[in-house]
Amino acid sequence: MKPFELTILSNEPPGARCKLYTGYARVLSGILGFPVKTVFPEKGEALGAPGLLICQKQVSPAEGETISPNDIINTINQIGLTVVDMERVRHQLDRLTKESREGM
């Protein structure tokens, strides 16, 4: 069984995507109750920054370079996690994405 945790793969200092993924992890942690850890991968490591892991499964962007709320929800479904209020998850992740775009 994979550990129930969220892992942020971040650059130091964090850029826009690292900050967005940190926000995603905080939302998910608040709803799922999973602990969050941040790691700073060295160049050349298999899993590079920026990125997000849910229960050790990497969330991959379906389009472009940036993880979207749909990518996160697809990963949650692939893992087989049961989330009581998936619409709440989607709403809060969408809100973060919108705020991130407005801040650019």
Protein backbone atom coordinates (compact mmCIF):
# COMPACT_ATOMS: atom_id res chain seq x y z
CA MET A 1 0.00 0.00 0.00
CA LYS A 2 1.35 3.39 -0.97
CA PRO A 3 1.57 5.96 1.82
CA PHE A 4 -1.22 8.48 1.93
CA GLU A 5 0.78 11.65 1.43
CA LEU A 6 1.24 14.54 -0.97
CA THR A 7 4.71 15.38 -2.21
CA ILE A 8 5.62 18.68 -3.81
CA LEU A 9 8.65 18.59 -6.08
CA SER A 10 9.94 22.15 -5.86
CA ASN A 11 12.74 24.31 -7.13
CA GLU A 12 14.61 26.56 -4.74
CA PRO A 13 13.56 29.32 -4.94
CA PRO A 14 10.08 28.24 -6.05
CA GLY A 15 8.70 29.68 -9.28
CA ALA A 16 5.10 30.16 -10.36
CA ARG A 17 4.33 26.47 -10.98
CA CYS A 18 5.99 25.38 -7.73
CA LYS A 19 3.86 27.89 -5.84
CA LEU A 20 0.70 26.72 -7.66
CA TYR A 21 1.46 23.07 -6.87
CA THR A 22 2.07 23.96 -3.23
CA GLY A 23 -1.38 25.56 -3.19
CA TYR A 24 -2.88 22.46 -4.79
CA ALA A 25 -1.24 20.27 -2.14
CA ARG A 26 -2.55 22.46 0.70
CA VAL A 27 -6.10 22.25 -0.68
CA LEU A 28 -5.87 18.50 -1.08
CA SER A 29 -4.34 18.09 2.37
CA GLY A 30 -7.18 20.07 3.93
CA ILE A 31 -9.81 17.93 2.21
CA LEU A 32 -8.12 14.50 2.20
CA GLY A 33 -6.26 14.89 5.48
CA PHE A 34 -2.95 13.72 3.94
CA PRO A 35 0.36 15.13 5.17
CA VAL A 36 2.36 17.27 2.76
CA LYS A 37 6.10 17.14 2.25
CA THR A 38 8.27 19.21 -0.03
CA VAL A 39 11.38 17.85 -1.69
CA PHE A 40 13.95 19.69 -3.76
CA PRO A 41 15.20 17.27 -6.43
CA GLU A 42 18.72 17.62 -7.76
CA LYS A 43 19.16 18.12 -11.50
CA GLY A 44 19.15 14.80 -13.29
CA GLU A 45 16.93 12.98 -10.79
CA ALA A 46 14.14 10.83 -12.24
CA LEU A 47 11.42 13.05 -10.78
CA GLY A 48 12.25 16.69 -11.35
CA ALA A 49 10.68 19.92 -10.22
CA PRO A 50 8.15 21.30 -10.50
CA GLY A 51 5.81 18.42 -9.82
CA LEU A 52 3.22 16.89 -7.54
CA LEU A 53 2.84 13.32 -6.28
CA ILE A 54 -0.32 11.92 -4.73
CA CYS A 55 0.35 8.69 -2.80
CA GLN A 56 3.67 8.46 -4.70
CA LYS A 57 1.90 8.66 -8.10
CA GLN A 58 3.13 11.54 -10.22
CA VAL A 59 0.45 13.88 -11.51
CA SER A 60 1.19 14.39 -15.20
CA PRO A 61 -0.17 17.31 -17.20
CA ALA A 62 -2.41 16.12 -20.04
CA GLU A 63 -1.78 19.33 -21.97
CA GLY A 64 1.17 21.68 -21.85
CA GLU A 65 3.57 21.89 -18.94
CA THR A 66 1.28 22.86 -16.08
CA ILE A 67 -0.76 20.45 -13.96
CA SER A 68 -4.47 21.29 -14.08
CA PRO A 69 -7.29 20.47 -11.67
CA ASN A 70 -8.47 17.83 -14.17
CA ASP A 71 -5.04 16.19 -14.06
CA ILE A 72 -5.25 16.00 -10.26
CA ILE A 73 -8.77 14.58 -10.30
CA ASN A 74 -7.77 12.01 -12.94
CA THR A 75 -4.84 10.93 -10.75
CA ILE A 76 -7.08 10.64 -7.68
CA ASN A 77 -9.42 8.43 -9.71
CA GLN A 78 -6.53 6.32 -11.08
CA ILE A 79 -5.26 5.69 -7.56
CA GLY A 80 -8.77 4.66 -6.53
CA LEU A 81 -9.17 7.16 -3.70
CA THR A 82 -12.70 7.81 -2.57
CA VAL A 83 -13.33 11.52 -2.16
CA VAL A 84 -16.73 12.37 -0.70
CA ASP A 85 -16.96 15.87 -2.14
CA MET A 86 -15.06 15.86 -5.44
CA GLU A 87 -16.90 19.02 -6.56
CA ARG A 88 -15.42 20.87 -3.57
CA VAL A 89 -11.97 19.65 -4.60
CA ARG A 90 -12.53 20.77 -8.19
CA HIS A 91 -13.92 24.17 -7.13
CA GLN A 92 -11.01 24.96 -4.82
CA LEU A 93 -8.39 23.79 -7.32
CA ASP A 94 -10.05 25.82 -10.09
CA ARG A 95 -10.02 28.88 -7.83
CA LEU A 96 -6.29 28.49 -7.21
CA THR A 97 -5.61 28.09 -10.92
CA LYS A 98 -7.58 31.24 -11.71
CA GLU A 99 -5.79 33.22 -8.98
CA SER A 100 -2.43 31.99 -10.27
CA ARG A 101 -3.21 33.15 -13.82
CA GLU A 102 -4.38 36.55 -12.60
CA GLY A 103 -1.16 36.97 -10.65
CA MET A 104 1.01 36.53 -13.75
